[in-house]
Amino acid sequence: MNKTVKLQIKSNFVNQFRSGYPLINKEAIKNINALKEEGSFLDLFDENNHFLGKGYYGIQNKGRGWILTNNQHEVIDQSFFEKKLKIAINDRSSFYIDKNTTAFRVFNGEGDGIGGLTIDHYDGYYVITWYSEGIYYFKKDIMEALRKIVDFKGVYEKKRFDVKGTYIEDDDFVLGERANFPLIVKENGIKFAVYLNDGAMVGVFLDQKDVRKAIRDKYAKGKHVLNTFSYTGAFSVAAAIGGAVKTTSVDLANRSKAKTIEQFSVNEIDYEAQDIIVEDVFNFFKYAVRKNLKYDMVILDPPSFARSKKHTFSAGKDYPDLLKQAIQITSKKGIIVASSNCSSFSMKKFKGFIEKAFEESREAYTILEEFSLPSDFKTRREFKEGNYLKVVILSKN
């Protein structure tokens, strides 16, 4: 049985919790030393002993847990998780019946009422990601709840609570039948090869589905597309299907080339007609400027933080300079897909980065379209950091 720890919240954080903010930051806790064992229940009170919320203790970045309910008498047990999962799965009913999309998010952490937990669906297989030892404590209840609600082929898990939230290496299979890899899934008719047991990531970022669709349907036709930080080439595949005359994919990771070839191949696209380059993106930009290369579309979706031998990139600090390099090699009237998944700044600030980069480059631009998280990545208004994705598609005038 979980023990319950009573936490006293500092007065300047009380209104934040009353308004529905779900993350319990360590700075908000007056008696932080009371926290001993992850998975413990937490009852939050203000300094006058008024109840604020009930949650669990789980270390996740700056957070020390999540509020799960504002009802002091609600019991956190298997039926609680069952209720939350049922609502979430019902909200995704349109995805379940869409034959052209078999990969989507089923449960999105605090957006669906349980911070620290995500569940993704891949053609009948489910991948559960646990972001703290605290939420992992509830594995048995959550697994049983999932088993009661959905039929599945198999379940895999990702444990993201090693040092600094990194992934714990494991086989990742939990129950059901093992998938044969690559598992081919569909997203708006595009096929992707995924590996549910191959490290922290499976081969495609589901949060970019709307952006890939826009690139395919509206922007790629007739263009030479440069896809930087290309990972497994998902944007390049979308562009090629959308009629791009050529795609160039650049990523530092050695495995990106084979993975990108595979994604082109499962979509019956001749990968030999595309350029797939294993190189530090920052070095590639220098090379492209030196050779006076120009691209009709540049896709810029860097990780929030990246380090190579010669470069360190932090999105909150370095995005404008990175964008300036992209502007240099984008053709007149060309398109830039500027994207960031960094949760530490807002869309407003991101647009400020874009404005700064174009001003300093002495170039003009027009915003064509903006994207945040797709509908299966449910968020909550009170927790703005949860809506982390910012994508601006713009034209260089």
Protein backbone atom coordinates (compact mmCIF):
# COMPACT_ATOMS: atom_id res chain seq x y z
CA MET A 1 0.00 0.00 0.00
CA ASN A 2 1.33 3.46 -0.92
CA LYS A 3 1.84 5.74 2.01
CA THR A 4 0.51 9.29 1.79
CA VAL A 5 2.81 12.26 2.35
CA LYS A 6 1.33 15.59 3.35
CA LEU A 7 3.02 18.44 1.47
CA GLN A 8 2.81 22.09 2.42
CA ILE A 9 2.84 24.46 -0.54
CA LYS A 10 4.47 27.89 -0.36
CA SER A 11 1.97 30.75 -0.45
CA ASN A 12 3.20 32.21 -3.75
CA PHE A 13 2.42 28.91 -5.56
CA VAL A 14 -1.04 28.29 -4.06
CA ASN A 15 -3.08 30.16 -6.70
CA GLN A 16 -1.23 28.31 -9.47
CA PHE A 17 -2.41 24.96 -8.07
CA ARG A 18 -5.92 26.27 -7.39
CA SER A 19 -6.21 27.26 -11.05
CA GLY A 20 -5.49 23.67 -12.15
CA TYR A 21 -1.71 23.61 -12.71
CA PRO A 22 -0.76 19.88 -12.48
CA LEU A 23 3.04 19.76 -12.10
CA ILE A 24 4.41 19.79 -8.54
CA ASN A 25 7.65 21.75 -8.86
CA LYS A 26 10.26 21.32 -6.14
CA GLU A 27 10.38 25.11 -5.63
CA ALA A 28 6.71 25.07 -4.57
CA ILE A 29 7.18 22.62 -1.69
CA LYS A 30 7.85 23.95 1.79
CA ASN A 31 8.68 20.60 3.43
CA ILE A 32 10.65 19.02 0.55
CA ASN A 33 12.47 16.69 2.98
CA ALA A 34 9.20 14.83 3.56
CA LEU A 35 9.60 13.26 0.12
CA LYS A 36 11.31 9.89 0.54
CA GLU A 37 9.91 7.18 -1.73
CA GLU A 38 8.77 7.59 -5.32
CA GLY A 39 5.27 6.25 -5.87
CA SER A 40 4.03 7.70 -2.57
CA PHE A 41 0.71 9.52 -2.69
CA LEU A 42 0.90 13.27 -2.08
CA ASP A 43 -1.76 15.43 -0.43
CA LEU A 44 -1.10 19.12 -1.06
CA PHE A 45 -2.22 21.78 1.41
CA ASP A 46 -1.70 25.52 1.69
CA GLU A 47 -0.19 27.11 4.81
CA ASN A 48 -3.69 27.37 6.33
CA ASN A 49 -4.23 23.64 5.88
CA HIS A 50 -6.69 24.01 2.99
CA PHE A 51 -6.60 21.07 0.57
CA LEU A 52 -5.21 21.81 -2.92
CA GLY A 53 -4.86 18.46 -4.64
CA LYS A 54 -3.84 14.83 -4.53
CA GLY A 55 -1.15 13.20 -6.64
CA TYR A 56 1.99 11.10 -6.57
CA TYR A 57 5.71 11.57 -5.96
CA GLY A 58 7.83 10.99 -9.07
CA ILE A 59 11.01 12.84 -10.03
CA GLN A 60 10.81 14.23 -13.56
CA ASN A 61 13.14 17.13 -14.48
CA LYS A 62 12.22 19.99 -12.12
CA GLY A 63 9.00 18.29 -11.10
CA ARG A 64 8.55 16.19 -8.01
CA GLY A 65 5.25 14.68 -9.06
CA TRP A 66 1.86 15.39 -10.57
CA ILE A 67 -1.56 16.25 -9.20
CA LEU A 68 -4.09 13.62 -10.31
CA THR A 69 -7.27 14.96 -8.71
CA ASN A 70 -8.59 17.98 -6.84
CA ASN A 71 -11.10 15.81 -5.01
CA GLN A 72 -9.70 15.02 -1.56
CA HIS A 73 -11.82 11.87 -1.27
CA GLU A 74 -11.09 10.37 -4.70
CA VAL A 75 -9.24 7.06 -4.50
CA ILE A 76 -6.25 6.54 -6.82
CA ASP A 77 -6.53 2.87 -7.78
CA GLN A 78 -7.05 0.67 -10.81
CA SER A 79 -10.59 1.96 -11.39
CA PHE A 80 -9.25 5.55 -11.34
CA PHE A 81 -6.75 4.71 -14.10
CA GLU A 82 -9.45 2.77 -15.96
CA LYS A 83 -11.73 5.81 -15.96
CA LYS A 84 -8.96 8.10 -17.29
CA LEU A 85 -7.94 5.62 -19.99
CA LYS A 86 -11.53 5.07 -21.12
CA ILE A 87 -12.10 8.81 -21.61
CA ALA A 88 -8.79 9.17 -23.49
CA ILE A 89 -9.45 6.22 -25.80
CA ASN A 90 -12.99 7.44 -26.50
CA ASP A 91 -11.51 10.85 -27.44
CA ARG A 92 -9.36 9.09 -30.10
CA SER A 93 -12.24 7.09 -31.60
CA SER A 94 -11.82 8.80 -34.99
CA PHE A 95 -8.20 7.60 -35.15
CA TYR A 96 -9.17 4.01 -34.37
CA ILE A 97 -11.53 3.86 -37.34
CA ASP A 98 -9.21 5.66 -39.79
CA LYS A 99 -7.74 2.96 -42.05
CA ASN A 100 -5.12 5.42 -43.35
CA THR A 101 -3.67 6.18 -39.89
CA THR A 102 -2.63 3.27 -37.68
CA ALA A 103 -0.09 5.15 -35.52
CA PHE A 104 -1.28 7.77 -33.04
CA ARG A 105 -1.15 8.83 -29.40
CA VAL A 106 -3.77 7.27 -27.13
CA PHE A 107 -2.87 8.94 -23.84
CA ASN A 108 -0.92 12.18 -23.51
CA GLY A 109 0.22 12.58 -19.91
CA GLU A 110 -1.22 15.50 -17.98
CA GLY A 111 -3.39 16.41 -21.00
CA ASP A 112 -5.38 13.26 -20.27
CA GLY A 113 -5.11 13.61 -16.50
CA ILE A 114 -2.02 11.57 -15.55
CA GLY A 115 1.28 13.42 -15.81
CA GLY A 116 4.36 11.29 -16.43
CA LEU A 117 2.59 8.68 -18.60
CA THR A 118 2.11 8.44 -22.37
CA ILE A 119 0.65 5.60 -24.43
CA ASP A 120 1.02 5.31 -28.21
CA HIS A 121 -0.76 2.94 -30.62
CA TYR A 122 1.02 1.26 -33.54
CA ASP A 123 -1.28 -0.98 -35.59
CA GLY A 124 -2.67 -2.90 -32.60
CA TYR A 125 0.48 -2.66 -30.47
CA TYR A 126 0.74 -0.22 -27.57
CA VAL A 127 3.86 1.51 -26.29
CA ILE A 128 3.70 2.86 -22.74
CA THR A 129 6.31 5.42 -21.72
CA TRP A 130 6.97 5.89 -17.99
CA TYR A 131 8.69 9.19 -17.20
CA SER A 132 9.47 8.54 -13.52
CA GLU A 133 9.91 5.72 -11.05
CA GLY A 134 6.88 7.20 -9.31
CA ILE A 135 4.45 6.53 -12.15
CA TYR A 136 6.15 3.17 -12.81
CA TYR A 137 5.07 2.17 -9.30
CA PHE A 138 1.49 2.07 -10.64
CA LYS A 139 2.40 -0.20 -13.59
CA LYS A 140 0.29 -3.16 -12.41
CA ASP A 141 -2.89 -1.06 -12.05
CA ILE A 142 -2.34 0.79 -15.35
CA MET A 143 -1.58 -2.40 -17.28
CA GLU A 144 -4.68 -4.10 -15.86
CA ALA A 145 -6.79 -1.05 -16.74
CA LEU A 146 -5.46 -1.08 -20.32
CA ARG A 147 -6.06 -4.83 -20.63
CA LYS A 148 -9.72 -4.38 -19.60
CA ILE A 149 -10.41 -1.52 -22.02
CA VAL A 150 -8.67 -2.41 -25.30
CA ASP A 151 -7.85 -5.47 -27.35
CA PHE A 152 -4.19 -5.44 -28.26
CA LYS A 153 -1.69 -7.59 -30.12
CA GLY A 154 1.09 -6.72 -27.69
CA VAL A 155 2.42 -4.10 -25.28
CA TYR A 156 5.90 -2.56 -25.12
CA GLU A 157 7.26 -0.02 -22.64
CA LYS A 158 9.91 2.71 -22.46
CA LYS A 159 11.38 3.57 -19.08
CA ARG A 160 12.59 7.19 -19.30
CA PHE A 161 13.73 7.66 -15.71
CA ASP A 162 17.44 6.91 -15.74
CA VAL A 163 19.92 9.73 -14.97
CA LYS A 164 18.41 13.06 -16.14
CA GLY A 165 15.37 11.30 -17.55
CA THR A 166 17.28 9.18 -20.05
CA TYR A 167 16.04 5.87 -21.38
CA ILE A 168 16.83 2.63 -19.53
CA GLU A 169 18.10 0.04 -22.03
CA ASP A 170 15.80 -2.97 -22.06
CA ASP A 171 14.03 -5.42 -24.35
CA ASP A 172 10.87 -3.32 -23.78
CA PHE A 173 8.40 -6.16 -24.45
CA VAL A 174 5.76 -6.47 -21.71
CA LEU A 175 2.94 -8.81 -22.76
CA GLY A 176 0.82 -10.20 -25.59
CA GLU A 177 2.61 -11.27 -28.75
CA ARG A 178 5.90 -9.85 -29.94
CA ALA A 179 5.77 -7.77 -33.11
CA ASN A 180 7.78 -8.65 -36.21
CA PHE A 181 10.08 -5.74 -37.01
CA PRO A 182 10.03 -3.56 -38.90
CA LEU A 183 6.35 -3.05 -38.07
CA ILE A 184 4.79 -1.07 -40.93
CA VAL A 185 2.30 1.55 -39.77
CA LYS A 186 0.38 4.22 -41.66
CA GLU A 187 -0.06 7.94 -41.08
CA ASN A 188 -2.42 9.75 -43.45
CA GLY A 189 -1.59 7.03 -45.98
CA ILE A 190 2.20 7.37 -45.64
CA LYS A 191 3.92 4.16 -44.50
CA PHE A 192 6.55 4.15 -41.76
CA ALA A 193 8.77 1.34 -40.53
CA VAL A 194 8.87 1.35 -36.73
CA TYR A 195 10.80 -0.66 -34.15
CA LEU A 196 9.09 -0.79 -30.77
CA ASN A 197 12.03 -2.51 -29.05
CA ASP A 198 14.93 -0.46 -30.39
CA GLY A 199 15.88 2.19 -27.84
CA ALA A 200 14.04 5.26 -26.62
CA MET A 201 12.49 6.17 -29.98
CA VAL A 202 10.66 3.96 -32.46
CA GLY A 203 11.49 5.63 -35.79
CA VAL A 204 8.87 8.35 -36.29
CA PHE A 205 7.73 11.33 -34.20
CA LEU A 206 3.94 11.14 -34.11
CA ASP A 207 3.53 14.77 -33.01
CA GLN A 208 4.54 16.02 -36.51
CA LYS A 209 1.74 14.21 -38.40
CA ASP A 210 -0.14 17.40 -39.36
CA VAL A 211 3.07 19.07 -40.56
CA ARG A 212 4.03 16.08 -42.71
CA LYS A 213 0.55 16.08 -44.25
CA ALA A 214 0.82 19.81 -45.05
CA ILE A 215 4.26 19.33 -46.64
CA ARG A 216 2.93 16.48 -48.78
CA ASP A 217 -0.37 18.08 -49.77
CA LYS A 218 0.49 21.79 -50.11
CA TYR A 219 4.17 22.66 -50.24
CA ALA A 220 6.51 19.99 -51.67
CA LYS A 221 5.41 19.71 -55.30
CA GLY A 222 8.17 20.61 -57.76
CA LYS A 223 10.65 21.56 -55.04
CA HIS A 224 14.15 20.49 -54.06
CA VAL A 225 13.72 19.90 -50.33
CA LEU A 226 16.50 19.99 -47.72
CA ASN A 227 15.57 18.13 -44.53
CA THR A 228 18.02 18.89 -41.71
CA PHE A 229 18.29 16.91 -38.44
CA SER A 230 16.41 14.38 -40.55
CA TYR A 231 16.43 11.38 -38.13
CA THR A 232 14.79 8.60 -40.22
CA GLY A 233 13.73 10.91 -43.05
CA ALA A 234 9.98 11.09 -42.33
CA PHE A 235 9.67 14.66 -43.63
CA SER A 236 11.67 13.70 -46.74
CA VAL A 237 9.30 10.79 -47.45
CA ALA A 238 6.28 13.11 -47.09
CA ALA A 239 7.92 15.61 -49.47
CA ALA A 240 8.79 12.94 -52.04
CA ILE A 241 5.23 11.54 -52.00
CA GLY A 242 4.00 15.13 -52.39
CA GLY A 243 5.92 15.55 -55.66
CA ALA A 244 9.27 17.02 -54.61
CA VAL A 245 11.74 16.81 -57.50
CA LYS A 246 14.42 15.74 -55.02
CA THR A 247 15.03 15.50 -51.28
CA THR A 248 18.29 15.92 -49.39
CA SER A 249 18.32 14.49 -45.86
CA VAL A 250 21.11 15.46 -43.45
CA ASP A 251 21.73 13.98 -40.00
CA LEU A 252 24.82 13.36 -37.90
CA ALA A 253 23.83 9.86 -36.71
CA ASN A 254 25.38 7.04 -38.74
CA ARG A 255 22.26 4.92 -38.52
CA SER A 256 20.13 7.68 -40.07
CA LYS A 257 21.17 6.67 -43.60
CA ALA A 258 19.98 3.05 -43.39
CA LYS A 259 16.83 4.13 -41.55
CA THR A 260 16.03 6.77 -44.20
CA ILE A 261 16.62 4.29 -47.03
CA GLU A 262 14.19 1.95 -45.29
CA GLN A 263 11.47 4.63 -44.99
CA PHE A 264 11.77 5.50 -48.69
CA SER A 265 11.72 1.80 -49.61
CA VAL A 266 8.54 0.91 -47.69
CA ASN A 267 6.83 3.71 -49.64
CA GLU A 268 8.25 2.37 -52.95
CA ILE A 269 10.30 5.51 -53.55
CA ASP A 270 13.68 5.15 -55.29
CA TYR A 271 16.06 6.17 -52.52
CA GLU A 272 18.96 6.31 -54.97
CA ALA A 273 17.27 9.32 -56.61
CA GLN A 274 17.48 11.14 -53.23
CA ASP A 275 20.50 12.48 -51.34
CA ILE A 276 21.01 11.01 -47.87
CA ILE A 277 23.99 12.57 -46.11
CA VAL A 278 25.55 11.63 -42.77
CA GLU A 279 27.06 14.90 -41.60
CA ASP A 280 26.92 17.48 -38.82
CA VAL A 281 24.14 19.85 -39.96
CA PHE A 282 26.21 22.89 -38.91
CA ASN A 283 29.09 21.73 -41.13
CA PHE A 284 26.67 21.04 -43.97
CA PHE A 285 25.31 24.59 -43.79
CA LYS A 286 28.86 25.98 -44.12
CA TYR A 287 29.50 23.70 -47.10
CA ALA A 288 26.20 24.72 -48.75
CA VAL A 289 26.99 28.45 -48.34
CA ARG A 290 30.53 27.94 -49.69
CA LYS A 291 29.18 26.09 -52.74
CA ASN A 292 26.32 28.58 -53.14
CA LEU A 293 23.73 25.79 -52.97
CA LYS A 294 20.07 26.83 -52.86
CA TYR A 295 16.98 24.85 -51.84
CA ASP A 296 13.31 25.53 -52.57
CA MET A 297 12.31 24.23 -49.14
CA VAL A 298 14.36 23.87 -45.97
CA ILE A 299 12.99 21.85 -43.04
CA LEU A 300 14.55 22.88 -39.74
CA ASP A 301 13.52 20.64 -36.84
CA PRO A 302 16.49 20.43 -34.45
CA PRO A 303 16.38 18.71 -31.06
CA SER A 304 15.99 21.06 -28.09
CA PHE A 305 19.61 20.31 -27.24
CA ALA A 306 22.31 18.77 -29.41
CA ARG A 307 26.04 18.29 -29.08
CA SER A 308 28.54 17.20 -31.71
CA LYS A 309 32.35 17.31 -31.63
CA LYS A 310 32.50 20.95 -32.64
CA HIS A 311 29.03 22.32 -31.89
CA THR A 312 26.62 22.63 -29.01
CA PHE A 313 23.07 23.71 -29.82
CA SER A 314 20.43 24.89 -27.37
CA ALA A 315 17.09 25.83 -28.97
CA GLY A 316 16.29 28.57 -26.44
CA LYS A 317 19.56 30.36 -27.20
CA ASP A 318 20.77 29.32 -30.65
CA TYR A 319 17.66 28.93 -32.83
CA PRO A 320 17.90 32.42 -34.44
CA ASP A 321 21.49 31.77 -35.58
CA LEU A 322 20.55 28.37 -36.94
CA LEU A 323 17.64 29.91 -38.83
CA LYS A 324 19.93 32.58 -40.29
CA GLN A 325 22.02 29.81 -41.85
CA ALA A 326 18.89 28.21 -43.29
CA ILE A 327 17.76 31.57 -44.74
CA GLN A 328 21.08 31.87 -46.58
CA ILE A 329 20.54 28.68 -48.55
CA THR A 330 16.80 29.08 -49.19
CA SER A 331 15.82 30.29 -52.66
CA LYS A 332 13.88 33.49 -53.20
CA LYS A 333 10.18 32.60 -52.73
CA GLY A 334 11.40 29.41 -51.09
CA ILE A 335 9.77 27.86 -48.03
CA ILE A 336 11.21 27.27 -44.58
CA VAL A 337 9.54 24.89 -42.13
CA ALA A 338 10.77 26.22 -38.78
CA SER A 339 10.04 23.79 -35.96
CA SER A 340 10.93 23.39 -32.29
CA ASN A 341 9.82 20.92 -29.61
CA CYS A 342 11.47 22.90 -26.80
CA SER A 343 8.94 23.46 -23.98
CA SER A 344 10.85 26.30 -22.31
CA PHE A 345 9.55 29.03 -24.66
CA SER A 346 6.20 29.93 -26.20
CA MET A 347 5.05 30.29 -29.81
CA LYS A 348 5.21 34.06 -29.32
CA LYS A 349 8.89 33.86 -28.37
CA PHE A 350 9.55 31.42 -31.21
CA LYS A 351 8.08 33.90 -33.67
CA GLY A 352 10.39 36.47 -32.10
CA PHE A 353 13.35 34.19 -32.97
CA ILE A 354 12.11 34.06 -36.58
CA GLU A 355 11.73 37.83 -36.76
CA LYS A 356 15.22 38.36 -35.33
CA ALA A 357 16.82 35.91 -37.78
CA PHE A 358 15.19 37.54 -40.81
CA GLU A 359 15.95 41.08 -39.62
CA GLU A 360 19.62 40.25 -39.08
CA SER A 361 19.69 38.52 -42.48
CA ARG A 362 18.06 41.61 -44.05
CA GLU A 363 15.40 39.44 -45.61
CA ALA A 364 11.60 39.54 -45.50
CA TYR A 365 9.16 36.68 -44.97
CA THR A 366 5.48 35.80 -44.92
CA ILE A 367 3.98 33.29 -42.50
CA LEU A 368 1.91 30.76 -44.45
CA GLU A 369 0.76 28.42 -41.69
CA GLU A 370 1.31 27.54 -38.03
CA PHE A 371 1.04 24.27 -36.16
CA SER A 372 1.10 23.08 -32.58
CA LEU A 373 0.38 19.56 -31.32
CA PRO A 374 -2.13 17.43 -33.28
CA SER A 375 -5.51 16.52 -31.80
CA ASP A 376 -4.40 13.14 -30.43
CA PHE A 377 -1.77 14.94 -28.31
CA LYS A 378 -4.31 16.34 -25.87
CA THR A 379 -3.12 19.27 -23.74
CA ARG A 380 -4.57 21.36 -20.94
CA ARG A 381 -4.87 25.12 -20.91
CA GLU A 382 -3.50 25.45 -17.37
CA PHE A 383 -0.22 23.75 -18.33
CA LYS A 384 1.18 25.69 -21.29
CA GLU A 385 4.50 23.81 -21.25
CA GLY A 386 2.59 20.67 -22.24
CA ASN A 387 1.78 22.18 -25.65
CA TYR A 388 5.46 22.18 -26.57
CA LEU A 389 5.42 21.88 -30.37
CA LYS A 390 5.81 25.07 -32.40
CA VAL A 391 5.95 24.94 -36.20
CA VAL A 392 5.85 27.95 -38.50
CA ILE A 393 5.80 27.42 -42.27
CA LEU A 394 6.97 30.61 -43.98
CA SER A 395 7.91 31.94 -47.37
CA LYS A 396 11.12 33.88 -47.95
CA ASN A 397 9.98 36.99 -49.86
